[in-house]
């Protein structure tokens, strides 16, 4: 009787333990599949961080599982390649995308996206070479001081939608810097031209008298006139003396003028009297002449 009871108890315990293990196994399998499915859904939504978490949980349910391991490695490779691609490290990104394609039993979505990225990298490299040549040509024109032609070349680049994408950031920055140098050169040339221009010689006489207000670059040495000596201020006493002098001169000059008039009148009278005396003497001689001859 006791043996029968013990056999029943052992059977019940074994059944409970076996049932628990089977249930636990099924539960782990369900969680594993759920994590794999959620991880692939996260990949489709481009939520790669969540996908890696789901695949890591799947590995806790099934250690060393090949599918979960490949999906986790593939997702890690792809996220690394995406980070390098965004940093414009196209060479290393291309290698990581190729590693994604090499992983078997992985995500088809990640493989398709990796192939698309590899094609895009090839296109970017081709455009990079083309844009580099155009930028090099613009730099040569700038070195030759042909700023207008250099800007025209840069306008072609900057108006290109593809060139304005972030893949060509280094070239785009160089183009903007070169454009600023060209604009500065154009402004400098215009300023030099305006300072060197002169009026046209073929214009009218009114234009000939026109003189530009701009000073010449070098006028040469200028001769300055010697400064006139400063006049000393006269004293008030000297001014009074000078005022008195003209009156004295006028008083002294008046008798002189009277004397001069008297002398001139005397000379004129003496001059006029002399011819009258000679005429009288001649008349007396003529009268006395015949009388003297008769007496003899």
C-alpha atoms as a PDB file:
ATOM      1  CA  UNK A   1       0.000   0.000   0.000  1.00  0.00           C
ATOM      2  CA  UNK A   2       2.745   2.407   0.889  1.00  0.00           C
ATOM      3  CA  UNK A   3       4.676   1.550  -2.254  1.00  0.00           C
ATOM      4  CA  UNK A   4       1.656   2.388  -4.355  1.00  0.00           C
ATOM      5  CA  UNK A   5       1.334   5.766  -2.698  1.00  0.00           C
ATOM      6  CA  UNK A   6       4.975   6.568  -3.258  1.00  0.00           C
ATOM      7  CA  UNK A   7       4.682   5.605  -6.916  1.00  0.00           C
ATOM      8  CA  UNK A   8       1.732   7.904  -7.381  1.00  0.00           C
ATOM      9  CA  UNK A   9       3.531  10.780  -5.691  1.00  0.00           C
ATOM     10  CA  UNK A  10       6.624  10.274  -7.850  1.00  0.00           C
ATOM     11  CA  UNK A  11       4.490  10.209 -10.955  1.00  0.00           C
ATOM     12  CA  UNK A  12       2.731  13.411  -9.986  1.00  0.00           C
ATOM     13  CA  UNK A  13       5.984  15.216  -9.216  1.00  0.00           C
ATOM     14  CA  UNK A  14       7.498  14.098 -12.497  1.00  0.00           C
ATOM     15  CA  UNK A  15       4.441  15.239 -14.337  1.00  0.00           C
ATOM     16  CA  UNK A  16       4.531  18.651 -12.697  1.00  0.00           C
ATOM     17  CA  UNK A  17       8.228  19.111 -13.362  1.00  0.00           C
ATOM     18  CA  UNK A  18       7.906  17.901 -16.921  1.00  0.00           C
ATOM     19  CA  UNK A  19       4.932  20.106 -17.558  1.00  0.00           C
ATOM     20  CA  UNK A  20       6.718  23.142 -16.154  1.00  0.00           C
ATOM     21  CA  UNK A  21       9.786  22.532 -18.296  1.00  0.00           C
ATOM     22  CA  UNK A  22       7.692  22.077 -21.397  1.00  0.00           C
ATOM     23  CA  UNK A  23       5.706  25.204 -20.643  1.00  0.00           C
ATOM     24  CA  UNK A  24       8.894  27.136 -19.962  1.00  0.00           C
ATOM     25  CA  UNK A  25      10.354  25.935 -23.231  1.00  0.00           C
ATOM     26  CA  UNK A  26       7.301  27.040 -25.155  1.00  0.00           C
ATOM     27  CA  UNK A  27       7.309  30.357 -23.337  1.00  0.00           C
ATOM     28  CA  UNK A  28      10.924  30.979 -24.253  1.00  0.00           C
ATOM     29  CA  UNK A  29      10.216  30.016 -27.839  1.00  0.00           C
ATOM     30  CA  UNK A  30       7.331  32.428 -28.010  1.00  0.00           C
ATOM     31  CA  UNK A  31       9.404  35.248 -26.524  1.00  0.00           C
ATOM     32  CA  UNK A  32      12.227  34.459 -28.903  1.00  0.00           C
ATOM     33  CA  UNK A  33       9.990  34.615 -31.930  1.00  0.00           C
ATOM     34  CA  UNK A  34       8.347  37.736 -30.595  1.00  0.00           C
ATOM     35  CA  UNK A  35      11.730  39.465 -30.198  1.00  0.00           C
ATOM     36  CA  UNK A  36      12.850  38.444 -33.685  1.00  0.00           C
ATOM     37  CA  UNK A  37       9.623  39.754 -35.177  1.00  0.00           C
ATOM     38  CA  UNK A  38       9.796  43.008 -33.243  1.00  0.00           C
ATOM     39  CA  UNK A  39      13.418  43.462 -34.280  1.00  0.00           C
ATOM     40  CA  UNK A  40      12.600  43.069 -37.944  1.00  0.00           C
ATOM     41  CA  UNK A  41       9.701  45.498 -37.567  1.00  0.00           C
ATOM     42  CA  UNK A  42      12.071  48.015 -35.989  1.00  0.00           C
ATOM     43  CA  UNK A  43      14.428  47.586 -38.971  1.00  0.00           C
ATOM     44  CA  UNK A  44      11.572  48.304 -41.346  1.00  0.00           C
ATOM     45  CA  UNK A  45      10.865  51.482 -39.352  1.00  0.00           C
ATOM     46  CA  UNK A  46      14.588  52.378 -39.398  1.00  0.00           C
ATOM     47  CA  UNK A  47      14.688  52.151 -35.614  1.00  0.00           C
ATOM     48  CA  UNK A  48      17.970  50.299 -35.517  1.00  0.00           C
ATOM     49  CA  UNK A  49      18.667  50.853 -31.811  1.00  0.00           C
ATOM     50  CA  UNK A  50      15.410  49.106 -30.881  1.00  0.00           C
ATOM     51  CA  UNK A  51      16.157  46.324 -33.373  1.00  0.00           C
ATOM     52  CA  UNK A  52      19.488  45.608 -31.699  1.00  0.00           C
ATOM     53  CA  UNK A  53      17.766  45.440 -28.297  1.00  0.00           C
ATOM     54  CA  UNK A  54      15.196  42.950 -29.585  1.00  0.00           C
ATOM     55  CA  UNK A  55      17.821  40.722 -31.147  1.00  0.00           C
ATOM     56  CA  UNK A  56      19.862  40.813 -27.943  1.00  0.00           C
ATOM     57  CA  UNK A  57      16.802  39.680 -25.957  1.00  0.00           C
ATOM     58  CA  UNK A  58      16.218  36.899 -28.429  1.00  0.00           C
ATOM     59  CA  UNK A  59      19.726  35.634 -27.716  1.00  0.00           C
ATOM     60  CA  UNK A  60      18.937  35.507 -24.003  1.00  0.00           C
ATOM     61  CA  UNK A  61      16.106  33.110 -24.803  1.00  0.00           C
ATOM     62  CA  UNK A  62      18.213  31.070 -27.197  1.00  0.00           C
ATOM     63  CA  UNK A  63      21.888  31.283 -26.602  1.00  0.00           C
ATOM     64  CA  UNK A  64      24.167  30.994 -29.605  1.00  0.00           C
ATOM     65  CA  UNK A  65      21.184  31.093 -31.935  1.00  0.00           C
ATOM     66  CA  UNK A  66      22.439  31.605 -35.481  1.00  0.00           C
ATOM     67  CA  UNK A  67      19.546  33.668 -36.780  1.00  0.00           C
ATOM     68  CA  UNK A  68      19.511  36.096 -33.869  1.00  0.00           C
ATOM     69  CA  UNK A  69      23.320  36.379 -33.949  1.00  0.00           C
ATOM     70  CA  UNK A  70      23.380  37.137 -37.675  1.00  0.00           C
ATOM     71  CA  UNK A  71      20.597  39.688 -37.389  1.00  0.00           C
ATOM     72  CA  UNK A  72      22.361  41.417 -34.505  1.00  0.00           C
ATOM     73  CA  UNK A  73      25.728  41.504 -36.316  1.00  0.00           C
ATOM     74  CA  UNK A  74      24.105  42.667 -39.535  1.00  0.00           C
ATOM     75  CA  UNK A  75      22.266  45.478 -37.767  1.00  0.00           C
ATOM     76  CA  UNK A  76      25.445  46.596 -36.030  1.00  0.00           C
ATOM     77  CA  UNK A  77      27.364  46.641 -39.325  1.00  0.00           C
ATOM     78  CA  UNK A  78      24.626  48.615 -41.017  1.00  0.00           C
ATOM     79  CA  UNK A  79      24.338  51.230 -38.252  1.00  0.00           C
ATOM     80  CA  UNK A  80      28.105  51.703 -38.303  1.00  0.00           C
ATOM     81  CA  UNK A  81      28.031  52.139 -42.070  1.00  0.00           C
ATOM     82  CA  UNK A  82      25.207  54.684 -41.758  1.00  0.00           C
ATOM     83  CA  UNK A  83      27.177  56.706 -39.225  1.00  0.00           C
ATOM     84  CA  UNK A  84      30.209  56.755 -41.534  1.00  0.00           C
ATOM     85  CA  UNK A  85      28.042  57.676 -44.500  1.00  0.00           C
ATOM     86  CA  UNK A  86      26.554  60.663 -42.655  1.00  0.00           C
ATOM     87  CA  UNK A  87      30.089  61.776 -41.758  1.00  0.00           C
ATOM     88  CA  UNK A  88      31.010  61.652 -45.482  1.00  0.00           C
ATOM     89  CA  UNK A  89      33.447  58.790 -44.815  1.00  0.00           C
ATOM     90  CA  UNK A  90      32.362  57.036 -47.965  1.00  0.00           C
ATOM     91  CA  UNK A  91      35.270  54.595 -48.283  1.00  0.00           C
ATOM     92  CA  UNK A  92      34.812  52.970 -44.875  1.00  0.00           C
ATOM     93  CA  UNK A  93      31.021  53.131 -45.219  1.00  0.00           C
ATOM     94  CA  UNK A  94      31.187  51.241 -48.495  1.00  0.00           C
ATOM     95  CA  UNK A  95      33.216  48.455 -46.843  1.00  0.00           C
ATOM     96  CA  UNK A  96      30.688  48.076 -44.007  1.00  0.00           C
ATOM     97  CA  UNK A  97      27.778  47.977 -46.448  1.00  0.00           C
ATOM     98  CA  UNK A  98      29.544  45.210 -48.301  1.00  0.00           C
ATOM     99  CA  UNK A  99      29.943  43.291 -45.029  1.00  0.00           C
ATOM    100  CA  UNK A 100      26.185  43.557 -44.505  1.00  0.00           C
ATOM    101  CA  UNK A 101      25.648  41.870 -47.862  1.00  0.00           C
ATOM    102  CA  UNK A 102      27.997  39.038 -46.931  1.00  0.00           C
ATOM    103  CA  UNK A 103      26.020  37.989 -43.831  1.00  0.00           C
ATOM    104  CA  UNK A 104      23.699  35.087 -44.620  1.00  0.00           C
ATOM    105  CA  UNK A 105      20.332  34.429 -42.946  1.00  0.00           C
ATOM    106  CA  UNK A 106      20.047  38.115 -42.177  1.00  0.00           C
ATOM    107  CA  UNK A 107      17.585  40.847 -42.955  1.00  0.00           C
ATOM    108  CA  UNK A 108      16.674  41.333 -46.602  1.00  0.00           C
ATOM    109  CA  UNK A 109      15.717  44.896 -45.848  1.00  0.00           C
ATOM    110  CA  UNK A 110      19.220  45.689 -44.608  1.00  0.00           C
ATOM    111  CA  UNK A 111      20.746  44.065 -47.684  1.00  0.00           C
ATOM    112  CA  UNK A 112      18.553  46.074 -50.049  1.00  0.00           C
ATOM    113  CA  UNK A 113      19.384  49.303 -48.252  1.00  0.00           C
ATOM    114  CA  UNK A 114      23.080  48.458 -48.300  1.00  0.00           C
ATOM    115  CA  UNK A 115      22.979  47.888 -52.054  1.00  0.00           C
ATOM    116  CA  UNK A 116      21.207  51.232 -52.552  1.00  0.00           C
ATOM    117  CA  UNK A 117      23.843  52.974 -50.441  1.00  0.00           C
ATOM    118  CA  UNK A 118      26.685  51.428 -52.418  1.00  0.00           C
ATOM    119  CA  UNK A 119      25.162  52.707 -55.672  1.00  0.00           C
ATOM    120  CA  UNK A 120      24.718  56.146 -54.146  1.00  0.00           C
ATOM    121  CA  UNK A 121      28.344  56.198 -53.014  1.00  0.00           C
ATOM    122  CA  UNK A 122      29.460  55.450 -56.567  1.00  0.00           C
ATOM    123  CA  UNK A 123      27.334  58.332 -57.834  1.00  0.00           C
ATOM    124  CA  UNK A 124      28.679  60.667 -55.160  1.00  0.00           C
ATOM    125  CA  UNK A 125      32.260  59.814 -56.074  1.00  0.00           C
ATOM    126  CA  UNK A 126      31.618  60.529 -59.748  1.00  0.00           C
ATOM    127  CA  UNK A 127      29.952  63.854 -58.943  1.00  0.00           C
ATOM    128  CA  UNK A 128      32.730  64.718 -56.517  1.00  0.00           C
ATOM    129  CA  UNK A 129      35.316  64.389 -59.274  1.00  0.00           C
ATOM    130  CA  UNK A 130      33.217  66.492 -61.652  1.00  0.00           C
ATOM    131  CA  UNK A 131      32.586  69.240 -59.106  1.00  0.00           C
ATOM    132  CA  UNK A 132      36.249  69.249 -58.093  1.00  0.00           C
ATOM    133  CA  UNK A 133      37.287  69.951 -61.688  1.00  0.00           C
ATOM    134  CA  UNK A 134      34.845  72.848 -61.962  1.00  0.00           C
ATOM    135  CA  UNK A 135      36.030  74.291 -58.658  1.00  0.00           C
ATOM    136  CA  UNK A 136      39.652  73.938 -59.742  1.00  0.00           C
ATOM    137  CA  UNK A 137      38.861  75.889 -62.906  1.00  0.00           C
ATOM    138  CA  UNK A 138      37.253  78.655 -60.846  1.00  0.00           C
ATOM    139  CA  UNK A 139      40.363  78.808 -58.642  1.00  0.00           C
ATOM    140  CA  UNK A 140      42.606  79.199 -61.695  1.00  0.00           C
ATOM    141  CA  UNK A 141      40.465  82.079 -62.953  1.00  0.00           C
ATOM    142  CA  UNK A 142      40.706  83.703 -59.549  1.00  0.00           C
ATOM    143  CA  UNK A 143      44.495  83.335 -59.590  1.00  0.00           C
ATOM    144  CA  UNK A 144      44.494  85.039 -63.012  1.00  0.00           C
ATOM    145  CA  UNK A 145      42.462  87.956 -61.537  1.00  0.00           C
ATOM    146  CA  UNK A 146      39.521  87.109 -63.795  1.00  0.00           C
ATOM    147  CA  UNK A 147      37.013  87.456 -60.984  1.00  0.00           C
ATOM    148  CA  UNK A 148      33.911  87.727 -63.171  1.00  0.00           C
ATOM    149  CA  UNK A 149      34.661  84.495 -65.027  1.00  0.00           C
ATOM    150  CA  UNK A 150      35.486  82.761 -61.751  1.00  0.00           C
ATOM    151  CA  UNK A 151      32.160  83.832 -60.261  1.00  0.00           C
ATOM    152  CA  UNK A 152      30.339  82.629 -63.366  1.00  0.00           C
ATOM    153  CA  UNK A 153      31.902  79.198 -62.893  1.00  0.00           C
ATOM    154  CA  UNK A 154      30.930  79.196 -59.234  1.00  0.00           C
ATOM    155  CA  UNK A 155      27.349  80.181 -60.074  1.00  0.00           C
ATOM    156  CA  UNK A 156      27.044  77.035 -62.154  1.00  0.00           C
ATOM    157  CA  UNK A 157      28.133  74.968 -59.181  1.00  0.00           C
ATOM    158  CA  UNK A 158      26.020  76.691 -56.553  1.00  0.00           C
ATOM    159  CA  UNK A 159      22.890  76.583 -58.711  1.00  0.00           C
ATOM    160  CA  UNK A 160      23.193  72.795 -58.988  1.00  0.00           C
ATOM    161  CA  UNK A 161      20.839  71.078 -56.536  1.00  0.00           C
ATOM    162  CA  UNK A 162      23.097  68.045 -56.272  1.00  0.00           C
ATOM    163  CA  UNK A 163      26.073  70.223 -55.341  1.00  0.00           C
ATOM    164  CA  UNK A 164      24.116  71.784 -52.452  1.00  0.00           C
ATOM    165  CA  UNK A 165      23.641  68.418 -50.747  1.00  0.00           C
ATOM    166  CA  UNK A 166      25.617  67.559 -47.648  1.00  0.00           C
ATOM    167  CA  UNK A 167      27.709  64.950 -49.474  1.00  0.00           C
ATOM    168  CA  UNK A 168      29.775  67.740 -51.038  1.00  0.00           C
ATOM    169  CA  UNK A 169      30.063  69.934 -47.957  1.00  0.00           C
ATOM    170  CA  UNK A 170      33.822  70.447 -48.257  1.00  0.00           C
ATOM    171  CA  UNK A 171      33.566  71.539 -51.893  1.00  0.00           C
ATOM    172  CA  UNK A 172      30.572  73.732 -51.130  1.00  0.00           C
ATOM    173  CA  UNK A 173      32.442  75.566 -48.374  1.00  0.00           C
ATOM    174  CA  UNK A 174      35.431  76.113 -50.670  1.00  0.00           C
ATOM    175  CA  UNK A 175      33.154  77.513 -53.377  1.00  0.00           C
ATOM    176  CA  UNK A 176      31.554  80.014 -50.983  1.00  0.00           C
ATOM    177  CA  UNK A 177      34.965  81.126 -49.713  1.00  0.00           C
ATOM    178  CA  UNK A 178      36.244  81.595 -53.258  1.00  0.00           C
ATOM    179  CA  UNK A 179      33.133  83.580 -54.163  1.00  0.00           C
ATOM    180  CA  UNK A 180      33.781  85.983 -51.288  1.00  0.00           C
ATOM    181  CA  UNK A 181      37.365  86.494 -52.503  1.00  0.00           C
ATOM    182  CA  UNK A 182      36.103  87.177 -56.036  1.00  0.00           C
ATOM    183  CA  UNK A 183      33.592  89.744 -54.817  1.00  0.00           C
ATOM    184  CA  UNK A 184      36.285  91.478 -52.779  1.00  0.00           C
ATOM    185  CA  UNK A 185      38.538  91.584 -55.841  1.00  0.00           C
ATOM    186  CA  UNK A 186      35.775  93.072 -57.985  1.00  0.00           C
ATOM    187  CA  UNK A 187      35.112  95.807 -55.429  1.00  0.00           C
ATOM    188  CA  UNK A 188      38.827  96.608 -55.212  1.00  0.00           C
ATOM    189  CA  UNK A 189      39.112  96.850 -59.009  1.00  0.00           C
ATOM    190  CA  UNK A 190      36.133  99.174 -59.227  1.00  0.00           C
ATOM    191  CA  UNK A 191      37.586 101.421 -56.537  1.00  0.00           C
ATOM    192  CA  UNK A 192      40.937 101.610 -58.338  1.00  0.00           C
ATOM    193  CA  UNK A 193      39.198 102.349 -61.641  1.00  0.00           C
ATOM    194  CA  UNK A 194      37.141 105.165 -60.169  1.00  0.00           C
ATOM    195  CA  UNK A 195      40.228 106.773 -58.617  1.00  0.00           C
ATOM    196  CA  UNK A 196      42.218 106.617 -61.871  1.00  0.00           C
ATOM    197  CA  UNK A 197      39.530 107.969 -64.244  1.00  0.00           C
ATOM    198  CA  UNK A 198      39.946 111.491 -65.786  1.00  0.00           C
ATOM    199  CA  UNK A 199      37.538 113.723 -67.802  1.00  0.00           C
ATOM    200  CA  UNK A 200      37.213 113.008 -71.520  1.00  0.00           C
ATOM    201  CA  UNK A 201      39.314 115.305 -73.706  1.00  0.00           C
ATOM    202  CA  UNK A 202      36.716 115.250 -76.502  1.00  0.00           C
ATOM    203  CA  UNK A 203      34.107 117.026 -74.419  1.00  0.00           C
ATOM    204  CA  UNK A 204      33.302 120.730 -74.683  1.00  0.00           C
ATOM    205  CA  UNK A 205      35.208 123.637 -73.237  1.00  0.00           C
ATOM    206  CA  UNK A 206      33.080 123.521 -70.132  1.00  0.00           C
ATOM    207  CA  UNK A 207      34.199 119.974 -69.513  1.00  0.00           C
ATOM    208  CA  UNK A 208      37.838 120.902 -70.117  1.00  0.00           C
ATOM    209  CA  UNK A 209      37.770 123.226 -67.161  1.00  0.00           C
ATOM    210  CA  UNK A 210      36.459 120.414 -65.015  1.00  0.00           C
ATOM    211  CA  UNK A 211      38.910 119.159 -62.451  1.00  0.00           C
ATOM    212  CA  UNK A 212      38.299 115.940 -60.562  1.00  0.00           C
ATOM    213  CA  UNK A 213      37.982 116.275 -56.851  1.00  0.00           C
ATOM    214  CA  UNK A 214      40.048 113.174 -56.271  1.00  0.00           C
ATOM    215  CA  UNK A 215      43.554 114.046 -55.176  1.00  0.00           C
ATOM    216  CA  UNK A 216      46.427 112.525 -57.129  1.00  0.00           C
ATOM    217  CA  UNK A 217      48.275 109.646 -55.556  1.00  0.00           C
ATOM    218  CA  UNK A 218      51.480 111.746 -55.230  1.00  0.00           C
ATOM    219  CA  UNK A 219      51.643 115.483 -55.798  1.00  0.00           C
ATOM    220  CA  UNK A 220      55.402 115.809 -55.405  1.00  0.00           C
ATOM    221  CA  UNK A 221      57.204 118.266 -53.161  1.00  0.00           C
ATOM    222  CA  UNK A 222      55.285 121.503 -52.743  1.00  0.00           C
ATOM    223  CA  UNK A 223      56.937 124.925 -52.526  1.00  0.00           C
ATOM    224  CA  UNK A 224      55.596 127.168 -49.826  1.00  0.00           C
ATOM    225  CA  UNK A 225      55.904 130.958 -49.988  1.00  0.00           C
ATOM    226  CA  UNK A 226      57.930 132.586 -47.214  1.00  0.00           C
ATOM    227  CA  UNK A 227      55.769 134.063 -44.575  1.00  0.00           C
ATOM    228  CA  UNK A 228      55.608 137.870 -44.492  1.00  0.00           C
ATOM    229  CA  UNK A 229      57.186 139.449 -41.412  1.00  0.00           C
ATOM    230  CA  UNK A 230      54.734 140.508 -38.846  1.00  0.00           C
ATOM    231  CA  UNK A 231      54.311 144.287 -38.434  1.00  0.00           C
ATOM    232  CA  UNK A 232      55.104 145.673 -35.041  1.00  0.00           C
ATOM    233  CA  UNK A 233      52.283 147.589 -33.465  1.00  0.00           C
ATOM    234  CA  UNK A 234      52.984 151.331 -33.241  1.00  0.00           C
ATOM    235  CA  UNK A 235      52.762 153.189 -29.999  1.00  0.00           C
ATOM    236  CA  UNK A 236      50.068 155.749 -29.442  1.00  0.00           C
ATOM    237  CA  UNK A 237      52.699 158.470 -28.995  1.00  0.00           C
ATOM    238  CA  UNK A 238      54.198 157.757 -32.400  1.00  0.00           C
ATOM    239  CA  UNK A 239      50.720 157.803 -33.921  1.00  0.00           C
ATOM    240  CA  UNK A 240      50.094 161.266 -32.418  1.00  0.00           C
ATOM    241  CA  UNK A 241      53.453 162.491 -33.687  1.00  0.00           C
ATOM    242  CA  UNK A 242      52.691 161.218 -37.132  1.00  0.00           C
ATOM    243  CA  UNK A 243      49.372 163.044 -37.059  1.00  0.00           C
ATOM    244  CA  UNK A 244      51.146 166.331 -36.205  1.00  0.00           C
ATOM    245  CA  UNK A 245      53.773 165.995 -38.943  1.00  0.00           C
ATOM    246  CA  UNK A 246      51.485 166.563 -41.913  1.00  0.00           C
ATOM    247  CA  UNK A 247      50.247 169.855 -40.465  1.00  0.00           C
ATOM    248  CA  UNK A 248      53.818 171.101 -40.035  1.00  0.00           C
ATOM    249  CA  UNK A 249      54.672 170.082 -43.525  1.00  0.00           C
ATOM    250  CA  UNK A 250      51.702 171.919 -44.892  1.00  0.00           C
ATOM    251  CA  UNK A 251      52.675 175.101 -43.033  1.00  0.00           C
ATOM    252  CA  UNK A 252      56.283 174.846 -44.161  1.00  0.00           C
ATOM    253  CA  UNK A 253      55.290 174.130 -47.728  1.00  0.00           C
ATOM    254  CA  UNK A 254      53.090 177.223 -48.100  1.00  0.00           C
ATOM    255  CA  UNK A 255      55.840 179.948 -47.946  1.00  0.00           C
ATOM    256  CA  UNK A 256      58.000 177.900 -50.221  1.00  0.00           C
ATOM    257  CA  UNK A 257      55.277 177.935 -52.756  1.00  0.00           C
ATOM    258  CA  UNK A 258      54.893 181.705 -52.379  1.00  0.00           C
ATOM    259  CA  UNK A 259      58.627 182.220 -52.832  1.00  0.00           C
ATOM    260  CA  UNK A 260      58.625 180.060 -55.879  1.00  0.00           C
ATOM    261  CA  UNK A 261      55.798 182.068 -57.392  1.00  0.00           C
ATOM    262  CA  UNK A 262      57.601 185.365 -56.620  1.00  0.00           C
ATOM    263  CA  UNK A 263      60.868 184.138 -58.097  1.00  0.00           C
ATOM    264  CA  UNK A 264      59.143 182.947 -61.203  1.00  0.00           C
ATOM    265  CA  UNK A 265      57.396 186.309 -61.594  1.00  0.00           C
ATOM    266  CA  UNK A 266      60.690 188.185 -61.118  1.00  0.00           C
ATOM    267  CA  UNK A 267      62.488 186.093 -63.689  1.00  0.00           C
ATOM    268  CA  UNK A 268      59.682 186.614 -66.105  1.00  0.00           C
ATOM    269  CA  UNK A 269      59.677 190.376 -65.494  1.00  0.00           C
ATOM    270  CA  UNK A 270      63.432 190.605 -65.784  1.00  0.00           C
ATOM    271  CA  UNK A 271      63.323 188.626 -68.915  1.00  0.00           C
ATOM    272  CA  UNK A 272      60.686 190.845 -70.367  1.00  0.00           C
ATOM    273  CA  UNK A 273      62.532 194.051 -69.356  1.00  0.00           C
ATOM    274  CA  UNK A 274      65.773 193.051 -71.000  1.00  0.00           C
ATOM    275  CA  UNK A 275      64.537 193.071 -74.562  1.00  0.00           C
ATOM    276  CA  UNK A 276      62.886 196.447 -74.025  1.00  0.00           C
ATOM    277  CA  UNK A 277      66.232 198.071 -72.950  1.00  0.00           C
ATOM    278  CA  UNK A 278      68.140 196.720 -75.931  1.00  0.00           C
ATOM    279  CA  UNK A 279      65.533 198.018 -78.274  1.00  0.00           C
ATOM    280  CA  UNK A 280      65.838 201.501 -76.740  1.00  0.00           C
ATOM    281  CA  UNK A 281      69.637 201.498 -77.031  1.00  0.00           C
ATOM    282  CA  UNK A 282      69.387 200.542 -80.676  1.00  0.00           C
ATOM    283  CA  UNK A 283      66.981 203.374 -81.378  1.00  0.00           C
ATOM    284  CA  UNK A 284      69.288 205.898 -79.595  1.00  0.00           C
ATOM    285  CA  UNK A 285      72.268 204.742 -81.613  1.00  0.00           C
ATOM    286  CA  UNK A 286      70.342 205.196 -84.823  1.00  0.00           C
ATOM    287  CA  UNK A 287      69.330 208.708 -83.765  1.00  0.00           C
ATOM    288  CA  UNK A 288      72.760 209.682 -82.579  1.00  0.00           C
ATOM    289  CA  UNK A 289      74.491 208.261 -85.626  1.00  0.00           C
ATOM    290  CA  UNK A 290      73.519 210.882 -88.254  1.00  0.00           C
ATOM    291  CA  UNK A 291      74.058 213.779 -85.873  1.00  0.00           C
ATOM    292  CA  UNK A 292      77.604 212.706 -85.069  1.00  0.00           C
ATOM    293  CA  UNK A 293      78.515 212.300 -88.709  1.00  0.00           C
ATOM    294  CA  UNK A 294      77.251 215.806 -89.550  1.00  0.00           C
ATOM    295  CA  UNK A 295      79.336 217.424 -86.834  1.00  0.00           C
ATOM    296  CA  UNK A 296      82.461 215.919 -88.197  1.00  0.00           C
END
